Amino acid sequence: MGTVEEVRIAKRTGFCYGVREAIDKAKEASAAGKTTHTLGQVVHNEGVVQNLQDLGIQTVETLDDVDHGAAVVIRAHGVRPDVMARAEARGLEVIDGTCTWVIQEHRELTKLVEEGYTIVLLGTPKHAEVVGMLGFAPDAIVVDEEEEWEAKIPRKKRMALISQSTQPPWKFERLAAFMVGRAHELKIVNTVCPVTIRRQQDTMEAAAEVDMMVVVGGRSSANTKELTRLCEIAGTHAIQIESVHDLTDATPFDGARIVGVTGGTSTPIEDLRDVTRRILELAGTPEAAARADELADAALGRAATPAGRTTSLPHIIATPTSGAA
């Protein structure tokens, strides 16, 4: 017999707006009858990618796989400027789904290069967003974990710090403090995405009110891992899963009465509803398990605001709240 009576979905979850817009653009192009591709997976979520494939939208890894005249969607991570130029030169219809926040990163990098700064970029090496950023500042020094800062960051008269959008705010702040002792002039450009910050805040608030948390997202997703870490910092045990299919054992929920659910920026809010339902079916009290569908839909309805966070939820009508992402 399970102990879980209630499952709460953290607010301001679901796709970040950059991911949502890129997916919407791909769907709109396909609906208009265009042969549509995405350059790389538009989101690291197998269910979403399969849904796009069902709509005839194919994922390609290089522009060589796209026929002349077809449409190619640039995902939210953005690409190097030479990739855009090559696509246009090949006669492809380029549909730019680059997140507006990432576009701002590119503009800031261009200015920093023009102004002659030695640029330090906080980011995950080889991540698609970082690869795109380096197209605007090829000589930028990419650093990630704190252990490598001492060896990688030189002492220069004029240095600038910028960040991959989904890096943890605390790491960016710590690196900025470290670089104060490395440069006479230090320019700090805070490009940590505000949606990432708000999601972390909401996750910590949810964690403080429940007995345990379930974090849903890719195992290699940096922002998902950070959500798990923050739950633990809040003093709430958390388990991280990729999808509802990972929930096969009720043991982790033993003794938990209220469970919280949150997800990374590439996790559709529908997945959080499915996880909520599964938790109730698997570990709920007899009453909660019997009402799993109803309770999961109610939890989703409370969390899925403002309206339009994911366009695949047209049946949910909500009033946008001030300051929502």
Protein backbone atom coordinates (compact mmCIF):
# COMPACT_ATOMS: atom_id res chain seq x y z
CA MET A 1 0.00 0.00 0.00
CA GLY A 2 1.42 3.37 -1.03
CA THR A 3 1.72 6.51 1.07
CA VAL A 4 1.60 9.30 -1.53
CA GLU A 5 -1.52 11.44 -1.16
CA GLU A 6 -0.62 14.36 -3.44
CA VAL A 7 1.76 15.23 -6.25
CA ARG A 8 2.55 18.86 -7.09
CA ILE A 9 4.06 20.07 -10.35
CA ALA A 10 6.38 23.06 -9.93
CA LYS A 11 5.23 26.24 -11.65
CA ARG A 12 6.93 27.68 -14.72
CA THR A 13 8.01 24.27 -15.96
CA GLY A 14 7.56 22.76 -19.40
CA PHE A 15 9.51 23.94 -22.44
CA CYS A 16 11.39 27.20 -22.15
CA TYR A 17 10.10 29.72 -24.68
CA GLY A 18 13.13 29.27 -26.96
CA VAL A 19 12.54 25.55 -27.37
CA ARG A 20 8.79 26.05 -27.78
CA GLU A 21 9.23 28.65 -30.52
CA ALA A 22 11.67 26.49 -32.49
CA ILE A 23 9.29 23.53 -32.36
CA ASP A 24 6.35 25.72 -33.38
CA LYS A 25 8.26 27.07 -36.36
CA ALA A 26 9.07 23.56 -37.52
CA LYS A 27 5.43 22.49 -37.20
CA GLU A 28 4.19 25.60 -39.03
CA ALA A 29 6.58 25.01 -41.91
CA SER A 30 5.51 21.40 -42.25
CA ALA A 31 1.81 22.33 -42.04
CA ALA A 32 2.38 24.78 -44.90
CA GLY A 33 3.47 21.86 -47.09
CA LYS A 34 7.20 22.50 -46.95
CA THR A 35 9.75 19.71 -46.83
CA THR A 36 11.07 20.48 -43.37
CA HIS A 37 14.18 19.44 -41.48
CA THR A 38 15.73 20.47 -38.17
CA LEU A 39 19.51 20.86 -37.99
CA GLY A 40 20.21 18.62 -35.05
CA GLN A 41 17.56 17.50 -32.59
CA VAL A 42 15.34 20.50 -31.93
CA VAL A 43 15.05 19.29 -28.34
CA HIS A 44 16.71 16.47 -26.40
CA ASN A 45 13.50 14.56 -25.85
CA GLU A 46 12.88 11.39 -27.81
CA GLY A 47 9.09 11.62 -27.56
CA VAL A 48 9.04 15.13 -29.01
CA VAL A 49 11.47 14.21 -31.77
CA GLN A 50 9.30 11.20 -32.67
CA ASN A 51 6.22 13.43 -32.76
CA LEU A 52 7.96 15.75 -35.22
CA GLN A 53 9.00 12.78 -37.34
CA ASP A 54 5.38 11.64 -37.41
CA LEU A 55 4.57 15.05 -38.88
CA GLY A 56 7.20 14.51 -41.57
CA ILE A 57 9.85 16.71 -39.95
CA GLN A 58 13.22 14.99 -40.17
CA THR A 59 16.32 15.60 -38.05
CA VAL A 60 19.58 15.99 -39.97
CA GLU A 61 23.08 16.40 -38.58
CA THR A 62 24.58 18.28 -41.55
CA LEU A 63 23.28 20.57 -44.29
CA ASP A 64 24.50 18.01 -46.83
CA ASP A 65 21.49 15.90 -45.88
CA VAL A 66 19.02 18.62 -46.93
CA ASP A 67 17.84 18.82 -50.55
CA HIS A 68 18.01 22.10 -52.45
CA GLY A 69 14.95 24.24 -51.82
CA ALA A 70 13.88 22.45 -48.64
CA ALA A 71 13.34 24.22 -45.33
CA VAL A 72 15.80 23.81 -42.50
CA VAL A 73 14.97 24.94 -38.98
CA ILE A 74 17.80 26.25 -36.82
CA ARG A 75 17.13 25.07 -33.27
CA ALA A 76 17.06 27.30 -30.20
CA HIS A 77 20.76 26.70 -29.45
CA GLY A 78 21.76 28.65 -32.55
CA VAL A 79 24.61 27.94 -34.97
CA ARG A 80 27.84 29.52 -36.18
CA PRO A 81 27.39 32.32 -38.75
CA ASP A 82 29.17 30.26 -41.42
CA VAL A 83 26.48 27.57 -41.10
CA MET A 84 23.76 30.13 -41.83
CA ALA A 85 25.73 31.47 -44.80
CA ARG A 86 26.25 27.99 -46.22
CA ALA A 87 22.57 27.11 -45.90
CA GLU A 88 21.57 30.24 -47.79
CA ALA A 89 24.25 29.65 -50.43
CA ARG A 90 22.82 26.18 -51.06
CA GLY A 91 19.39 27.62 -51.72
CA LEU A 92 17.79 26.27 -48.56
CA GLU A 93 14.97 28.07 -46.84
CA VAL A 94 16.44 28.92 -43.46
CA ILE A 95 13.89 29.17 -40.64
CA ASP A 96 15.76 30.66 -37.73
CA GLY A 97 14.53 29.23 -34.44
CA THR A 98 17.48 30.57 -32.46
CA CYS A 99 16.33 31.68 -29.03
CA THR A 100 16.23 35.46 -28.70
CA TRP A 101 18.40 35.19 -25.61
CA VAL A 102 21.04 33.26 -27.58
CA ILE A 103 20.87 35.86 -30.36
CA GLN A 104 21.70 38.45 -27.71
CA GLU A 105 24.70 36.35 -26.65
CA HIS A 106 25.95 36.42 -30.24
CA ARG A 107 25.60 40.19 -30.40
CA GLU A 108 27.45 40.65 -27.12
CA LEU A 109 30.27 38.37 -28.27
CA THR A 110 30.62 40.30 -31.52
CA LYS A 111 31.00 43.56 -29.56
CA LEU A 112 33.52 42.06 -27.15
CA VAL A 113 35.65 40.83 -30.06
CA GLU A 114 35.51 44.24 -31.72
CA GLU A 115 36.53 45.89 -28.45
CA GLY A 116 39.57 43.63 -28.14
CA TYR A 117 38.76 41.79 -24.92
CA THR A 118 40.20 38.40 -24.02
CA ILE A 119 36.95 36.49 -23.63
CA VAL A 120 36.23 33.75 -21.10
CA LEU A 121 33.12 31.72 -21.88
CA LEU A 122 31.52 29.70 -19.10
CA GLY A 123 29.92 26.72 -20.80
CA THR A 124 29.90 23.02 -21.52
CA PRO A 125 32.48 22.22 -24.22
CA LYS A 126 30.96 20.84 -27.44
CA HIS A 127 27.43 21.80 -26.35
CA ALA A 128 25.53 23.06 -29.40
CA GLU A 129 24.99 26.51 -27.90
CA VAL A 130 28.68 26.88 -27.03
CA VAL A 131 29.74 25.71 -30.50
CA GLY A 132 27.49 28.38 -32.01
CA MET A 133 28.85 31.08 -29.67
CA LEU A 134 32.42 30.23 -30.65
CA GLY A 135 31.51 31.01 -34.24
CA PHE A 136 31.29 34.66 -33.14
CA ALA A 137 34.38 34.54 -30.90
CA PRO A 138 36.68 31.73 -32.07
CA ASP A 139 39.45 32.66 -29.63
CA ALA A 140 37.25 32.65 -26.53
CA ILE A 141 38.51 30.51 -23.67
CA VAL A 142 35.86 27.95 -22.73
CA VAL A 143 35.82 26.87 -19.08
CA ASP A 144 33.40 24.69 -17.18
CA GLU A 145 34.25 23.12 -13.83
CA GLU A 146 35.93 25.21 -11.14
CA GLU A 147 38.94 22.88 -10.93
CA GLU A 148 40.11 24.01 -14.39
CA TRP A 149 39.85 27.76 -13.94
CA GLU A 150 43.32 28.27 -12.46
CA ALA A 151 45.08 26.55 -15.35
CA LYS A 152 42.92 27.83 -18.21
CA ILE A 153 42.30 31.48 -17.38
CA PRO A 154 45.30 33.74 -17.99
CA ARG A 155 46.15 37.04 -16.38
CA LYS A 156 45.34 39.81 -18.83
CA LYS A 157 44.87 43.55 -18.67
CA ARG A 158 41.43 43.50 -20.33
CA MET A 159 39.16 40.49 -19.98
CA ALA A 160 35.46 39.80 -20.41
CA LEU A 161 33.21 37.08 -19.00
CA ILE A 162 30.12 35.71 -20.71
CA SER A 163 28.07 32.56 -20.17
CA GLN A 164 26.13 29.81 -21.89
CA SER A 165 22.51 30.62 -21.11
CA THR A 166 21.73 27.54 -19.02
CA GLN A 167 24.74 27.65 -16.71
CA PRO A 168 23.95 27.82 -12.97
CA PRO A 169 23.89 31.43 -11.72
CA TRP A 170 26.01 30.55 -8.68
CA LYS A 171 28.81 29.22 -10.92
CA PHE A 172 28.77 32.37 -13.06
CA GLU A 173 28.97 34.54 -9.93
CA ARG A 174 31.83 32.48 -8.53
CA LEU A 175 33.76 32.66 -11.79
CA ALA A 176 33.25 36.44 -11.94
CA ALA A 177 34.70 36.75 -8.44
CA PHE A 178 37.65 34.55 -9.43
CA MET A 179 38.38 36.68 -12.51
CA VAL A 180 38.52 39.90 -10.50
CA GLY A 181 42.00 38.80 -9.49
CA ARG A 182 42.99 37.97 -13.08
CA ALA A 183 42.37 41.26 -14.90
CA HIS A 184 42.88 44.99 -14.42
CA GLU A 185 39.71 45.66 -16.42
CA LEU A 186 36.96 43.03 -16.23
CA LYS A 187 33.75 43.32 -18.22
CA ILE A 188 30.97 40.98 -17.07
CA VAL A 189 28.09 40.25 -19.44
CA ASN A 190 25.43 38.27 -17.62
CA THR A 191 23.81 36.02 -20.22
CA VAL A 192 22.40 33.41 -17.83
CA CYS A 193 18.82 32.98 -19.06
CA PRO A 194 16.20 34.44 -16.68
CA VAL A 195 13.89 31.51 -17.47
CA THR A 196 16.57 29.18 -16.10
CA ILE A 197 16.83 31.27 -12.94
CA ARG A 198 13.05 31.38 -12.40
CA ARG A 199 12.72 27.65 -12.94
CA GLN A 200 15.37 27.04 -10.31
CA GLN A 201 13.63 29.37 -7.88
CA ASP A 202 10.26 27.67 -8.40
CA THR A 203 11.83 24.23 -8.04
CA MET A 204 13.43 25.17 -4.73
CA GLU A 205 10.14 26.62 -3.50
CA ALA A 206 8.35 23.40 -4.44
CA ALA A 207 11.07 21.30 -2.81
CA ALA A 208 10.62 23.16 0.48
CA GLU A 209 6.95 22.12 0.62
CA VAL A 210 7.14 18.41 -0.21
CA ASP A 211 8.65 15.22 1.18
CA MET A 212 10.63 14.38 -1.96
CA MET A 213 11.14 15.59 -5.55
CA VAL A 214 11.19 13.90 -8.94
CA VAL A 215 13.22 15.77 -11.55
CA VAL A 216 12.44 14.88 -15.17
CA GLY A 217 14.94 15.50 -17.95
CA GLY A 218 17.84 14.12 -19.96
CA ARG A 219 20.61 12.49 -17.95
CA SER A 220 23.18 14.65 -19.74
CA SER A 221 21.16 17.86 -19.40
CA ALA A 222 23.12 20.40 -17.35
CA ASN A 223 20.07 22.40 -16.33
CA THR A 224 18.25 19.22 -15.25
CA LYS A 225 21.21 18.11 -13.12
CA GLU A 226 21.27 21.54 -11.53
CA LEU A 227 17.59 21.23 -10.54
CA THR A 228 18.38 17.93 -8.82
CA ARG A 229 21.32 19.50 -7.00
CA LEU A 230 19.19 22.42 -5.82
CA CYS A 231 16.54 20.11 -4.40
CA GLU A 232 19.19 18.40 -2.32
CA ILE A 233 20.51 21.80 -1.17
CA ALA A 234 16.97 22.62 -0.06
CA GLY A 235 17.15 19.51 2.11
CA THR A 236 14.70 17.50 0.03
CA HIS A 237 15.66 14.13 -1.38
CA ALA A 238 15.36 14.06 -5.18
CA ILE A 239 15.48 11.38 -7.84
CA GLN A 240 16.19 12.22 -11.48
CA ILE A 241 14.53 10.34 -14.33
CA GLU A 242 14.38 10.75 -18.10
CA SER A 243 10.77 9.78 -18.56
CA VAL A 244 7.77 8.10 -17.02
CA HIS A 245 9.15 4.76 -18.22
CA ASP A 246 11.87 4.97 -15.55
CA LEU A 247 9.27 4.73 -12.78
CA THR A 248 8.89 1.01 -12.16
CA ASP A 249 9.55 0.71 -8.43
CA ALA A 250 7.54 2.24 -5.61
CA THR A 251 10.36 1.84 -3.08
CA PRO A 252 11.84 5.38 -3.51
CA PHE A 253 8.47 6.82 -2.45
CA ASP A 254 8.15 4.83 0.78
CA GLY A 255 6.92 7.13 3.53
CA ALA A 256 6.46 10.16 1.27
CA ARG A 257 3.07 11.82 1.56
CA ILE A 258 3.52 14.81 -0.78
CA VAL A 259 5.78 14.53 -3.85
CA GLY A 260 6.95 17.38 -6.07
CA VAL A 261 7.70 17.11 -9.78
CA THR A 262 9.80 19.48 -11.90
CA GLY A 263 11.56 19.27 -15.25
CA GLY A 264 14.39 20.68 -17.34
CA THR A 265 13.90 23.16 -20.15
CA SER A 266 13.64 20.36 -22.74
CA THR A 267 10.92 18.48 -20.87
CA PRO A 268 7.34 19.03 -22.10
CA ILE A 269 4.90 19.79 -19.33
CA GLU A 270 2.77 16.90 -20.61
CA ASP A 271 5.59 14.58 -19.51
CA LEU A 272 5.31 15.98 -15.99
CA ARG A 273 1.60 15.19 -15.99
CA ASP A 274 2.35 11.61 -17.07
CA VAL A 275 4.98 11.28 -14.34
CA THR A 276 2.50 12.63 -11.79
CA ARG A 277 -0.08 10.05 -12.83
CA ARG A 278 2.46 7.24 -12.68
CA ILE A 279 3.65 8.21 -9.19
CA LEU A 280 0.06 8.11 -7.94
CA GLU A 281 -0.61 4.77 -9.63
CA LEU A 282 2.64 3.28 -8.37
CA ALA A 283 2.97 4.71 -4.86
CA GLY A 284 -0.30 6.44 -4.06
CA THR A 285 -2.68 5.60 -1.26
CA PRO A 286 -5.60 3.48 -2.45
CA GLU A 287 -7.76 6.60 -2.80
CA ALA A 288 -5.07 8.58 -4.63
CA ALA A 289 -4.25 5.69 -6.95
CA ALA A 290 -7.91 5.31 -7.87
CA ARG A 291 -8.06 9.01 -8.80
CA ALA A 292 -4.66 9.16 -10.52
CA ASP A 293 -5.96 10.56 -13.82
CA GLU A 294 -8.09 13.21 -12.14
CA LEU A 295 -5.37 14.29 -9.71
CA ALA A 296 -2.69 14.43 -12.44
CA ASP A 297 -4.88 16.62 -14.65
CA ALA A 298 -5.60 18.90 -11.69
CA ALA A 299 -1.89 19.21 -10.87
CA LEU A 300 -1.17 20.07 -14.50
CA GLY A 301 -3.94 22.65 -14.57
CA ARG A 302 -2.46 24.43 -11.55
CA ALA A 303 1.05 24.46 -13.00
CA ALA A 304 0.43 25.11 -16.70
CA THR A 305 0.31 28.90 -16.52
CA PRO A 306 0.55 31.19 -18.33
CA ALA A 307 -1.53 29.85 -21.19
CA GLY A 308 0.52 28.99 -24.23
CA ARG A 309 3.60 27.72 -22.46
CA THR A 310 3.22 24.67 -24.67
CA THR A 311 0.98 25.01 -27.68
CA SER A 312 -0.04 21.37 -27.42
CA LEU A 313 -2.29 22.18 -24.46
CA PRO A 314 -5.09 24.21 -26.07
CA HIS A 315 -7.69 22.82 -23.65
CA ILE A 316 -6.03 24.54 -20.71
CA ILE A 317 -7.21 28.10 -20.24
CA ALA A 318 -5.22 30.08 -17.75
CA THR A 319 -4.69 33.69 -16.86
CA PRO A 320 -1.07 34.77 -17.21
CA THR A 321 0.53 35.79 -13.95
CA SER A 322 2.83 38.77 -13.62
CA GLY A 323 6.51 37.97 -13.87
CA ALA A 324 5.91 34.53 -15.36
CA ALA A 325 8.41 33.17 -17.84
